Amino acid sequence: VHYATDQTGPTAPLVGFAVPKRELAHATDRHRVQRQLRHLVADYVDA
């Protein structure tokens, strides 16, 4: 998890995912993990 705050930043938290090919070679695997994480992160964005 990489986390930064910037006082001149956007008005809402921004979340991004890095799922490199060298870690998960198949696109279906990368997308599956990213979908799972996107769903899980939604519970914590408000915090």
All heavy atoms as atom14 arrays in JSON, in Angstrom:
{
  "sequence": "VHYATDQTGPTAPLVGFAVPKRELAHATDRHRVQRQLRHLVADYVDA",
  "atom14_mask": [
    [1, 1, 1, 1, 1, 1, 1, 0, 0, 0, 0, 0, 0, 0],
    [1, 1, 1, 1, 1, 1, 1, 1, 1, 1, 0, 0, 0, 0],
    [1, 1, 1, 1, 1, 1, 1, 1, 1, 1, 1, 1, 0, 0],
    [1, 1, 1, 1, 1, 0, 0, 0, 0, 0, 0, 0, 0, 0],
    [1, 1, 1, 1, 1, 1, 1, 0, 0, 0, 0, 0, 0, 0],
    [1, 1, 1, 1, 1, 1, 1, 1, 0, 0, 0, 0, 0, 0],
    [1, 1, 1, 1, 1, 1, 1, 1, 1, 0, 0, 0, 0, 0],
    [1, 1, 1, 1, 1, 1, 1, 0, 0, 0, 0, 0, 0, 0],
    [1, 1, 1, 1, 0, 0, 0, 0, 0, 0, 0, 0, 0, 0],
    [1, 1, 1, 1, 1, 1, 1, 0, 0, 0, 0, 0, 0, 0],
    [1, 1, 1, 1, 1, 1, 1, 0, 0, 0, 0, 0, 0, 0],
    [1, 1, 1, 1, 1, 0, 0, 0, 0, 0, 0, 0, 0, 0],
    [1, 1, 1, 1, 1, 1, 1, 0, 0, 0, 0, 0, 0, 0],
    [1, 1, 1, 1, 1, 1, 1, 1, 0, 0, 0, 0, 0, 0],
    [1, 1, 1, 1, 1, 1, 1, 0, 0, 0, 0, 0, 0, 0],
    [1, 1, 1, 1, 0, 0, 0, 0, 0, 0, 0, 0, 0, 0],
    [1, 1, 1, 1, 1, 1, 1, 1, 1, 1, 1, 0, 0, 0],
    [1, 1, 1, 1, 1, 0, 0, 0, 0, 0, 0, 0, 0, 0],
    [1, 1, 1, 1, 1, 1, 1, 0, 0, 0, 0, 0, 0, 0],
    [1, 1, 1, 1, 1, 1, 1, 0, 0, 0, 0, 0, 0, 0],
    [1, 1, 1, 1, 1, 1, 1, 1, 1, 0, 0, 0, 0, 0],
    [1, 1, 1, 1, 1, 1, 1, 1, 1, 1, 1, 0, 0, 0],
    [1, 1, 1, 1, 1, 1, 1, 1, 1, 0, 0, 0, 0, 0],
    [1, 1, 1, 1, 1, 1, 1, 1, 0, 0, 0, 0, 0, 0],
    [1, 1, 1, 1, 1, 0, 0, 0, 0, 0, 0, 0, 0, 0],
    [1, 1, 1, 1, 1, 1, 1, 1, 1, 1, 0, 0, 0, 0],
    [1, 1, 1, 1, 1, 0, 0, 0, 0, 0, 0, 0, 0, 0],
    [1, 1, 1, 1, 1, 1, 1, 0, 0, 0, 0, 0, 0, 0],
    [1, 1, 1, 1, 1, 1, 1, 1, 0, 0, 0, 0, 0, 0],
    [1, 1, 1, 1, 1, 1, 1, 1, 1, 1, 1, 0, 0, 0],
    [1, 1, 1, 1, 1, 1, 1, 1, 1, 1, 0, 0, 0, 0],
    [1, 1, 1, 1, 1, 1, 1, 1, 1, 1, 1, 0, 0, 0],
    [1, 1, 1, 1, 1, 1, 1, 0, 0, 0, 0, 0, 0, 0],
    [1, 1, 1, 1, 1, 1, 1, 1, 1, 0, 0, 0, 0, 0],
    [1, 1, 1, 1, 1, 1, 1, 1, 1, 1, 1, 0, 0, 0],
    [1, 1, 1, 1, 1, 1, 1, 1, 1, 0, 0, 0, 0, 0],
    [1, 1, 1, 1, 1, 1, 1, 1, 0, 0, 0, 0, 0, 0],
    [1, 1, 1, 1, 1, 1, 1, 1, 1, 1, 1, 0, 0, 0],
    [1, 1, 1, 1, 1, 1, 1, 1, 1, 1, 0, 0, 0, 0],
    [1, 1, 1, 1, 1, 1, 1, 1, 0, 0, 0, 0, 0, 0],
    [1, 1, 1, 1, 1, 1, 1, 0, 0, 0, 0, 0, 0, 0],
    [1, 1, 1, 1, 1, 0, 0, 0, 0, 0, 0, 0, 0, 0],
    [1, 1, 1, 1, 1, 1, 1, 1, 0, 0, 0, 0, 0, 0],
    [1, 1, 1, 1, 1, 1, 1, 1, 1, 1, 1, 1, 0, 0],
    [1, 1, 1, 1, 1, 1, 1, 0, 0, 0, 0, 0, 0, 0],
    [1, 1, 1, 1, 1, 1, 1, 1, 0, 0, 0, 0, 0, 0],
    [1, 1, 1, 1, 1, 0, 0, 0, 0, 0, 0, 0, 0, 0]
  ],
  "atom14_positions": [
    [[0.86, -1.17, 0.0], [0.0, 0.0, 0.0], [0.9, 1.23, 0.0], [1.78, 1.38, 0.85], [-0.92, 0.01, 1.24], [-1.73, 1.29, 1.3], [-1.83, -1.2, 1.22], [0.0, 0.0, 0.0], [0.0, 0.0, 0.0], [0.0, 0.0, 0.0], [0.0, 0.0, 0.0], [0.0, 0.0, 0.0], [0.0, 0.0, 0.0], [0.0, 0.0, 0.0]],
    [[0.7, 2.12, -0.97], [1.41, 3.39, -1.06], [0.4, 4.49, -0.76], [-0.69, 4.5, -1.35], [1.98, 3.61, -2.47], [2.9, 2.52, -2.92], [4.24, 2.56, -2.68], [2.66, 1.36, -3.58], [4.8, 1.47, -3.19], [3.86, 0.72, -3.73], [0.0, 0.0, 0.0], [0.0, 0.0, 0.0], [0.0, 0.0, 0.0], [0.0, 0.0, 0.0]],
    [[0.76, 5.42, 0.14], [-0.2, 6.4, 0.61], [0.46, 7.77, 0.71], [1.54, 7.9, 1.3], [-0.72, 5.97, 1.98], [-1.63, 6.93, 2.66], [-2.93, 7.12, 2.22], [-1.22, 7.63, 3.79], [-3.79, 7.98, 2.86], [-2.07, 8.49, 4.44], [-3.35, 8.67, 3.98], [-4.19, 9.53, 4.63], [0.0, 0.0, 0.0], [0.0, 0.0, 0.0]],
    [[-0.17, 8.77, 0.14], [0.33, 10.14, 0.23], [-0.85, 11.08, 0.39], [-1.96, 10.81, -0.09], [1.12, 10.51, -1.04], [0.0, 0.0, 0.0], [0.0, 0.0, 0.0], [0.0, 0.0, 0.0], [0.0, 0.0, 0.0], [0.0, 0.0, 0.0], [0.0, 0.0, 0.0], [0.0, 0.0, 0.0], [0.0, 0.0, 0.0], [0.0, 0.0, 0.0]],
    [[-0.62, 12.19, 1.06], [-1.62, 13.24, 1.16], [-1.0, 14.52, 0.66], [0.2, 14.75, 0.79], [-2.11, 13.43, 2.61], [-1.0, 13.72, 3.44], [-2.82, 12.2, 3.11], [0.0, 0.0, 0.0], [0.0, 0.0, 0.0], [0.0, 0.0, 0.0], [0.0, 0.0, 0.0], [0.0, 0.0, 0.0], [0.0, 0.0, 0.0], [0.0, 0.0, 0.0]],
    [[-1.83, 15.36, 0.08], [-1.37, 16.62, -0.48], [-2.44, 17.67, -0.19], [-3.59, 17.51, -0.6], [-1.15, 16.48, -1.99], [-0.63, 17.75, -2.63], [-0.22, 18.67, -1.9], [-0.63, 17.82, -3.86], [0.0, 0.0, 0.0], [0.0, 0.0, 0.0], [0.0, 0.0, 0.0], [0.0, 0.0, 0.0], [0.0, 0.0, 0.0], [0.0, 0.0, 0.0]],
    [[-2.08, 18.72, 0.51], [-3.06, 19.73, 0.9], [-3.66, 20.46, -0.3], [-4.77, 20.97, -0.22], [-2.42, 20.75, 1.85], [-1.93, 20.13, 3.14], [-3.04, 19.42, 3.9], [-4.2, 19.8, 3.86], [-2.67, 18.35, 4.6], [0.0, 0.0, 0.0], [0.0, 0.0, 0.0], [0.0, 0.0, 0.0], [0.0, 0.0, 0.0], [0.0, 0.0, 0.0]],
    [[-2.96, 20.51, -1.41], [-3.49, 21.16, -2.6], [-4.11, 20.17, -3.56], [-4.38, 20.48, -4.69], [-2.37, 21.92, -3.33], [-1.39, 20.97, -3.76], [-1.74, 22.97, -2.45], [0.0, 0.0, 0.0], [0.0, 0.0, 0.0], [0.0, 0.0, 0.0], [0.0, 0.0, 0.0], [0.0, 0.0, 0.0], [0.0, 0.0, 0.0], [0.0, 0.0, 0.0]],
    [[-4.33, 18.97, -3.08], [-4.82, 17.88, -3.92], [-6.3, 17.98, -4.23], [-6.96, 19.0, -4.03], [0.0, 0.0, 0.0], [0.0, 0.0, 0.0], [0.0, 0.0, 0.0], [0.0, 0.0, 0.0], [0.0, 0.0, 0.0], [0.0, 0.0, 0.0], [0.0, 0.0, 0.0], [0.0, 0.0, 0.0], [0.0, 0.0, 0.0], [0.0, 0.0, 0.0]],
    [[-6.86, 16.89, -4.7], [-8.25, 16.84, -5.12], [-9.2, 16.94, -3.93], [-8.79, 16.9, -2.77], [-8.37, 15.48, -5.79], [-7.28, 14.67, -5.17], [-6.17, 15.62, -4.85], [0.0, 0.0, 0.0], [0.0, 0.0, 0.0], [0.0, 0.0, 0.0], [0.0, 0.0, 0.0], [0.0, 0.0, 0.0], [0.0, 0.0, 0.0], [0.0, 0.0, 0.0]],
    [[-10.47, 17.05, -4.21], [-11.47, 17.2, -3.16], [-12.01, 15.85, -2.69], [-12.87, 15.81, -1.83], [-12.64, 18.06, -3.67], [-13.2, 17.42, -4.82], [-12.17, 19.45, -4.02], [0.0, 0.0, 0.0], [0.0, 0.0, 0.0], [0.0, 0.0, 0.0], [0.0, 0.0, 0.0], [0.0, 0.0, 0.0], [0.0, 0.0, 0.0], [0.0, 0.0, 0.0]],
    [[-11.54, 14.79, -3.24], [-11.95, 13.44, -2.83], [-10.73, 12.52, -2.91], [-9.84, 12.75, -3.72], [-13.06, 12.93, -3.73], [0.0, 0.0, 0.0], [0.0, 0.0, 0.0], [0.0, 0.0, 0.0], [0.0, 0.0, 0.0], [0.0, 0.0, 0.0], [0.0, 0.0, 0.0], [0.0, 0.0, 0.0], [0.0, 0.0, 0.0], [0.0, 0.0, 0.0]],
    [[-10.68, 11.49, -2.07], [-9.55, 10.56, -2.13], [-9.47, 9.86, -3.49], [-10.49, 9.55, -4.09], [-9.86, 9.54, -1.04], [-10.93, 10.12, -0.21], [-11.64, 11.13, -1.04], [0.0, 0.0, 0.0], [0.0, 0.0, 0.0], [0.0, 0.0, 0.0], [0.0, 0.0, 0.0], [0.0, 0.0, 0.0], [0.0, 0.0, 0.0], [0.0, 0.0, 0.0]],
    [[-8.26, 9.65, -3.96], [-8.03, 8.95, -5.22], [-7.39, 7.6, -4.91], [-6.45, 7.52, -4.12], [-7.11, 9.75, -6.13], [-7.64, 11.09, -6.62], [-6.57, 11.81, -7.43], [-8.89, 10.92, -7.43], [0.0, 0.0, 0.0], [0.0, 0.0, 0.0], [0.0, 0.0, 0.0], [0.0, 0.0, 0.0], [0.0, 0.0, 0.0], [0.0, 0.0, 0.0]],
    [[-7.9, 6.55, -5.54], [-7.38, 5.2, -5.33], [-7.02, 4.6, -6.68], [-7.79, 4.69, -7.63], [-8.42, 4.31, -4.62], [-7.88, 2.91, -4.43], [-8.84, 4.91, -3.29], [0.0, 0.0, 0.0], [0.0, 0.0, 0.0], [0.0, 0.0, 0.0], [0.0, 0.0, 0.0], [0.0, 0.0, 0.0], [0.0, 0.0, 0.0], [0.0, 0.0, 0.0]],
    [[-5.83, 4.0, -6.75], [-5.39, 3.34, -7.97], [-4.8, 1.98, -7.65], [-4.43, 1.7, -6.51], [0.0, 0.0, 0.0], [0.0, 0.0, 0.0], [0.0, 0.0, 0.0], [0.0, 0.0, 0.0], [0.0, 0.0, 0.0], [0.0, 0.0, 0.0], [0.0, 0.0, 0.0], [0.0, 0.0, 0.0], [0.0, 0.0, 0.0], [0.0, 0.0, 0.0]],
    [[-4.73, 1.15, -8.67], [-4.22, -0.21, -8.49], [-3.11, -0.47, -9.49], [-3.2, -0.05, -10.65], [-5.34, -1.24, -8.7], [-6.48, -1.06, -7.75], [-7.58, -0.31, -8.11], [-6.43, -1.63, -6.49], [-8.63, -0.14, -7.23], [-7.48, -1.46, -5.61], [-8.58, -0.71, -5.97], [0.0, 0.0, 0.0], [0.0, 0.0, 0.0], [0.0, 0.0, 0.0]],
    [[-2.08, -1.16, -9.04], [-0.98, -1.57, -9.91], [-0.92, -3.09, -9.83], [-0.58, -3.65, -8.78], [0.33, -0.94, -9.46], [0.0, 0.0, 0.0], [0.0, 0.0, 0.0], [0.0, 0.0, 0.0], [0.0, 0.0, 0.0], [0.0, 0.0, 0.0], [0.0, 0.0, 0.0], [0.0, 0.0, 0.0], [0.0, 0.0, 0.0], [0.0, 0.0, 0.0]],
    [[-1.28, -3.73, -10.93], [-1.27, -5.2, -10.99], [-0.38, -5.57, -12.17], [-0.85, -5.75, -13.28], [-2.69, -5.77, -11.15], [-2.68, -7.28, -10.99], [-3.66, -5.15, -10.15], [0.0, 0.0, 0.0], [0.0, 0.0, 0.0], [0.0, 0.0, 0.0], [0.0, 0.0, 0.0], [0.0, 0.0, 0.0], [0.0, 0.0, 0.0], [0.0, 0.0, 0.0]],
    [[0.94, -5.67, -11.94], [1.88, -5.86, -13.04], [1.82, -7.26, -13.66], [1.53, -8.26, -12.99], [3.25, -5.63, -12.41], [3.04, -5.62, -10.95], [1.59, -5.49, -10.65], [0.0, 0.0, 0.0], [0.0, 0.0, 0.0], [0.0, 0.0, 0.0], [0.0, 0.0, 0.0], [0.0, 0.0, 0.0], [0.0, 0.0, 0.0], [0.0, 0.0, 0.0]],
    [[2.13, -7.31, -14.95], [2.17, -8.58, -15.67], [3.23, -9.51, -15.12], [3.07, -10.72, -15.17], [2.49, -8.33, -17.15], [1.32, -7.94, -17.98], [1.76, -7.86, -19.44], [0.63, -7.43, -20.32], [1.05, -7.33, -21.72], [0.0, 0.0, 0.0], [0.0, 0.0, 0.0], [0.0, 0.0, 0.0], [0.0, 0.0, 0.0], [0.0, 0.0, 0.0]],
    [[4.31, -8.96, -14.61], [5.37, -9.83, -14.1], [4.93, -10.55, -12.83], [5.51, -11.58, -12.47], [6.65, -9.04, -13.87], [6.61, -8.11, -12.69], [7.96, -7.43, -12.48], [7.88, -6.56, -11.34], [7.47, -5.3, -11.36], [7.13, -4.75, -12.51], [7.42, -4.58, -10.26], [0.0, 0.0, 0.0], [0.0, 0.0, 0.0], [0.0, 0.0, 0.0]],
    [[3.92, -10.02, -12.13], [3.39, -10.68, -10.94], [2.27, -11.66, -11.29], [2.22, -12.76, -10.77], [2.87, -9.64, -9.93], [3.95, -8.75, -9.36], [4.93, -9.47, -8.46], [4.56, -10.52, -7.88], [6.06, -8.98, -8.32], [0.0, 0.0, 0.0], [0.0, 0.0, 0.0], [0.0, 0.0, 0.0], [0.0, 0.0, 0.0], [0.0, 0.0, 0.0]],
    [[1.34, -11.22, -12.15], [0.22, -12.06, -12.58], [0.19, -12.04, -14.11], [-0.23, -11.05, -14.71], [-1.1, -11.54, -12.01], [-1.21, -11.52, -10.49], [-2.47, -10.82, -10.04], [-1.16, -12.92, -9.94], [0.0, 0.0, 0.0], [0.0, 0.0, 0.0], [0.0, 0.0, 0.0], [0.0, 0.0, 0.0], [0.0, 0.0, 0.0], [0.0, 0.0, 0.0]],
    [[0.62, -13.1, -14.72], [0.83, -13.12, -16.17], [-0.47, -13.09, -16.97], [-0.51, -12.5, -18.05], [1.63, -14.36, -16.56], [0.0, 0.0, 0.0], [0.0, 0.0, 0.0], [0.0, 0.0, 0.0], [0.0, 0.0, 0.0], [0.0, 0.0, 0.0], [0.0, 0.0, 0.0], [0.0, 0.0, 0.0], [0.0, 0.0, 0.0], [0.0, 0.0, 0.0]],
    [[-1.53, -13.68, -16.48], [-2.77, -13.76, -17.24], [-3.69, -12.58, -16.94], [-3.91, -12.25, -15.77], [-3.5, -15.08, -16.94], [-2.7, -16.29, -17.3], [-2.54, -16.7, -18.61], [-2.0, -17.15, -16.54], [-1.77, -17.77, -18.63], [-1.43, -18.07, -17.38], [0.0, 0.0, 0.0], [0.0, 0.0, 0.0], [0.0, 0.0, 0.0], [0.0, 0.0, 0.0]],
    [[-4.24, -11.99, -17.97], [-5.11, -10.83, -17.81], [-6.32, -11.14, -16.94], [-6.74, -10.3, -16.14], [-5.56, -10.31, -19.18], [0.0, 0.0, 0.0], [0.0, 0.0, 0.0], [0.0, 0.0, 0.0], [0.0, 0.0, 0.0], [0.0, 0.0, 0.0], [0.0, 0.0, 0.0], [0.0, 0.0, 0.0], [0.0, 0.0, 0.0], [0.0, 0.0, 0.0]],
    [[-6.87, -12.33, -17.1], [-8.05, -12.68, -16.29], [-7.71, -12.7, -14.81], [-8.52, -12.29, -13.97], [-8.62, -14.05, -16.71], [-7.59, -15.03, -16.65], [-9.2, -13.98, -18.1], [0.0, 0.0, 0.0], [0.0, 0.0, 0.0], [0.0, 0.0, 0.0], [0.0, 0.0, 0.0], [0.0, 0.0, 0.0], [0.0, 0.0, 0.0], [0.0, 0.0, 0.0]],
    [[-6.5, -13.14, -14.46], [-6.07, -13.14, -13.06], [-5.88, -11.72, -12.54], [-6.29, -11.39, -11.43], [-4.77, -13.93, -12.9], [-4.93, -15.4, -13.22], [-6.08, -15.9, -13.14], [-3.92, -16.05, -13.56], [0.0, 0.0, 0.0], [0.0, 0.0, 0.0], [0.0, 0.0, 0.0], [0.0, 0.0, 0.0], [0.0, 0.0, 0.0], [0.0, 0.0, 0.0]],
    [[-5.26, -10.87, -13.36], [-5.05, -9.48, -12.95], [-6.39, -8.79, -12.71], [-6.58, -8.09, -11.72], [-4.25, -8.71, -14.01], [-2.81, -9.16, -14.12], [-1.97, -8.19, -14.95], [-2.45, -8.01, -16.3], [-2.16, -8.79, -17.33], [-1.37, -9.85, -17.15], [-2.61, -8.53, -18.54], [0.0, 0.0, 0.0], [0.0, 0.0, 0.0], [0.0, 0.0, 0.0]],
    [[-7.33, -8.98, -13.62], [-8.63, -8.33, -13.49], [-9.41, -8.87, -12.29], [-10.1, -8.12, -11.6], [-9.44, -8.49, -14.77], [-8.87, -7.72, -15.91], [-8.92, -6.35, -15.98], [-8.21, -8.13, -17.0], [-8.31, -5.95, -17.09], [-7.88, -7.02, -17.73], [0.0, 0.0, 0.0], [0.0, 0.0, 0.0], [0.0, 0.0, 0.0], [0.0, 0.0, 0.0]],
    [[-9.32, -10.16, -12.04], [-10.03, -10.75, -10.9], [-9.54, -10.14, -9.59], [-10.34, -9.72, -8.74], [-9.85, -12.26, -10.87], [-10.57, -12.91, -9.68], [-10.32, -14.4, -9.54], [-10.51, -15.1, -10.8], [-9.6, -15.87, -11.38], [-8.42, -16.04, -10.81], [-9.85, -16.48, -12.51], [0.0, 0.0, 0.0], [0.0, 0.0, 0.0], [0.0, 0.0, 0.0]],
    [[-8.23, -10.08, -9.41], [-7.67, -9.53, -8.18], [-8.01, -8.04, -8.06], [-8.37, -7.56, -6.99], [-6.15, -9.76, -8.12], [-5.53, -9.03, -6.95], [-5.85, -11.25, -8.02], [0.0, 0.0, 0.0], [0.0, 0.0, 0.0], [0.0, 0.0, 0.0], [0.0, 0.0, 0.0], [0.0, 0.0, 0.0], [0.0, 0.0, 0.0], [0.0, 0.0, 0.0]],
    [[-7.93, -7.32, -9.16], [-8.25, -5.89, -9.11], [-9.72, -5.66, -8.75], [-10.04, -4.77, -7.97], [-7.93, -5.24, -10.45], [-8.11, -3.73, -10.42], [-7.63, -3.07, -11.69], [-6.97, -3.7, -12.52], [-7.96, -1.82, -11.85], [0.0, 0.0, 0.0], [0.0, 0.0, 0.0], [0.0, 0.0, 0.0], [0.0, 0.0, 0.0], [0.0, 0.0, 0.0]],
    [[-10.62, -6.47, -9.3], [-12.05, -6.34, -8.95], [-12.28, -6.62, -7.47], [-13.04, -5.92, -6.8], [-12.9, -7.28, -9.79], [-13.19, -6.76, -11.17], [-14.28, -7.58, -11.85], [-14.03, -9.02, -11.84], [-13.37, -9.68, -12.79], [-12.9, -9.04, -13.83], [-13.2, -10.99, -12.71], [0.0, 0.0, 0.0], [0.0, 0.0, 0.0], [0.0, 0.0, 0.0]],
    [[-11.62, -7.66, -6.95], [-11.75, -7.97, -5.52], [-11.28, -6.8, -4.67], [-11.95, -6.39, -3.72], [-10.94, -9.21, -5.16], [-11.54, -10.52, -5.57], [-10.64, -11.68, -5.17], [-9.46, -11.72, -5.54], [-11.19, -12.62, -4.42], [0.0, 0.0, 0.0], [0.0, 0.0, 0.0], [0.0, 0.0, 0.0], [0.0, 0.0, 0.0], [0.0, 0.0, 0.0]],
    [[-10.12, -6.26, -5.02], [-9.57, -5.15, -4.23], [-10.43, -3.89, -4.35], [-10.61, -3.18, -3.37], [-8.13, -4.86, -4.66], [-7.11, -5.87, -4.15], [-5.77, -5.65, -4.82], [-6.99, -5.79, -2.64], [0.0, 0.0, 0.0], [0.0, 0.0, 0.0], [0.0, 0.0, 0.0], [0.0, 0.0, 0.0], [0.0, 0.0, 0.0], [0.0, 0.0, 0.0]],
    [[-10.93, -3.62, -5.54], [-11.78, -2.44, -5.72], [-13.0, -2.53, -4.81], [-13.4, -1.55, -4.18], [-12.2, -2.3, -7.19], [-12.87, -0.98, -7.47], [-13.28, -0.82, -8.93], [-12.3, -1.27, -9.88], [-12.52, -2.23, -10.79], [-13.68, -2.84, -10.85], [-11.59, -2.57, -11.65], [0.0, 0.0, 0.0], [0.0, 0.0, 0.0], [0.0, 0.0, 0.0]],
    [[-13.58, -3.7, -4.74], [-14.74, -3.91, -3.87], [-14.35, -3.73, -2.4], [-15.1, -3.12, -1.62], [-15.31, -5.31, -4.1], [-16.44, -5.65, -3.22], [-17.69, -5.12, -3.38], [-16.52, -6.46, -2.14], [-18.49, -5.59, -2.44], [-17.79, -6.41, -1.67], [0.0, 0.0, 0.0], [0.0, 0.0, 0.0], [0.0, 0.0, 0.0], [0.0, 0.0, 0.0]],
    [[-13.21, -4.23, -1.99], [-12.78, -4.14, -0.6], [-12.4, -2.72, -0.21], [-12.71, -2.26, 0.9], [-11.59, -5.07, -0.35], [-11.89, -6.57, -0.49], [-10.6, -7.37, -0.41], [-12.88, -7.02, 0.58], [0.0, 0.0, 0.0], [0.0, 0.0, 0.0], [0.0, 0.0, 0.0], [0.0, 0.0, 0.0], [0.0, 0.0, 0.0], [0.0, 0.0, 0.0]],
    [[-11.73, -2.0, -1.1], [-11.28, -0.64, -0.8], [-12.47, 0.31, -0.61], [-12.4, 1.26, 0.17], [-10.33, -0.12, -1.9], [-10.09, 1.36, -1.79], [-9.01, -0.87, -1.84], [0.0, 0.0, 0.0], [0.0, 0.0, 0.0], [0.0, 0.0, 0.0], [0.0, 0.0, 0.0], [0.0, 0.0, 0.0], [0.0, 0.0, 0.0], [0.0, 0.0, 0.0]],
    [[-13.57, 0.03, -1.28], [-14.75, 0.9, -1.17], [-15.2, 1.06, 0.27], [-15.73, 2.11, 0.65], [-15.88, 0.35, -2.03], [0.0, 0.0, 0.0], [0.0, 0.0, 0.0], [0.0, 0.0, 0.0], [0.0, 0.0, 0.0], [0.0, 0.0, 0.0], [0.0, 0.0, 0.0], [0.0, 0.0, 0.0], [0.0, 0.0, 0.0], [0.0, 0.0, 0.0]],
    [[-14.98, 0.05, 1.11], [-15.38, 0.14, 2.51], [-14.51, 1.1, 3.32], [-14.9, 1.54, 4.39], [-15.31, -1.24, 3.17], [-16.31, -2.21, 2.6], [-17.33, -1.76, 2.04], [-16.09, -3.43, 2.72], [0.0, 0.0, 0.0], [0.0, 0.0, 0.0], [0.0, 0.0, 0.0], [0.0, 0.0, 0.0], [0.0, 0.0, 0.0], [0.0, 0.0, 0.0]],
    [[-13.32, 1.43, 2.82], [-12.37, 2.24, 3.58], [-12.13, 3.62, 3.0], [-11.46, 4.44, 3.62], [-11.04, 1.49, 3.71], [-11.22, 0.15, 4.37], [-11.24, -1.02, 3.61], [-11.42, 0.05, 5.73], [-11.44, -2.25, 4.21], [-11.62, -1.18, 6.34], [-11.63, -2.33, 5.57], [-11.84, -3.54, 6.17], [0.0, 0.0, 0.0], [0.0, 0.0, 0.0]],
    [[-12.65, 3.93, 1.83], [-12.4, 5.21, 1.19], [-12.94, 6.36, 2.03], [-12.31, 7.42, 2.12], [-13.0, 5.23, -0.24], [-12.98, 6.62, -0.83], [-12.23, 4.28, -1.13], [0.0, 0.0, 0.0], [0.0, 0.0, 0.0], [0.0, 0.0, 0.0], [0.0, 0.0, 0.0], [0.0, 0.0, 0.0], [0.0, 0.0, 0.0], [0.0, 0.0, 0.0]],
    [[-14.08, 6.17, 2.67], [-14.66, 7.25, 3.47], [-13.8, 7.62, 4.67], [-13.89, 8.73, 5.18], [-16.06, 6.86, 3.95], [-17.04, 6.76, 2.8], [-16.8, 7.39, 1.75], [-18.05, 6.05, 2.95], [0.0, 0.0, 0.0], [0.0, 0.0, 0.0], [0.0, 0.0, 0.0], [0.0, 0.0, 0.0], [0.0, 0.0, 0.0], [0.0, 0.0, 0.0]],
    [[-12.95, 6.72, 5.13], [-12.08, 6.98, 6.27], [-10.83, 7.76, 5.87], [-10.11, 8.26, 6.74], [-11.67, 5.67, 6.93], [0.0, 0.0, 0.0], [0.0, 0.0, 0.0], [0.0, 0.0, 0.0], [0.0, 0.0, 0.0], [0.0, 0.0, 0.0], [0.0, 0.0, 0.0], [0.0, 0.0, 0.0], [0.0, 0.0, 0.0], [0.0, 0.0, 0.0]]
  ]
}
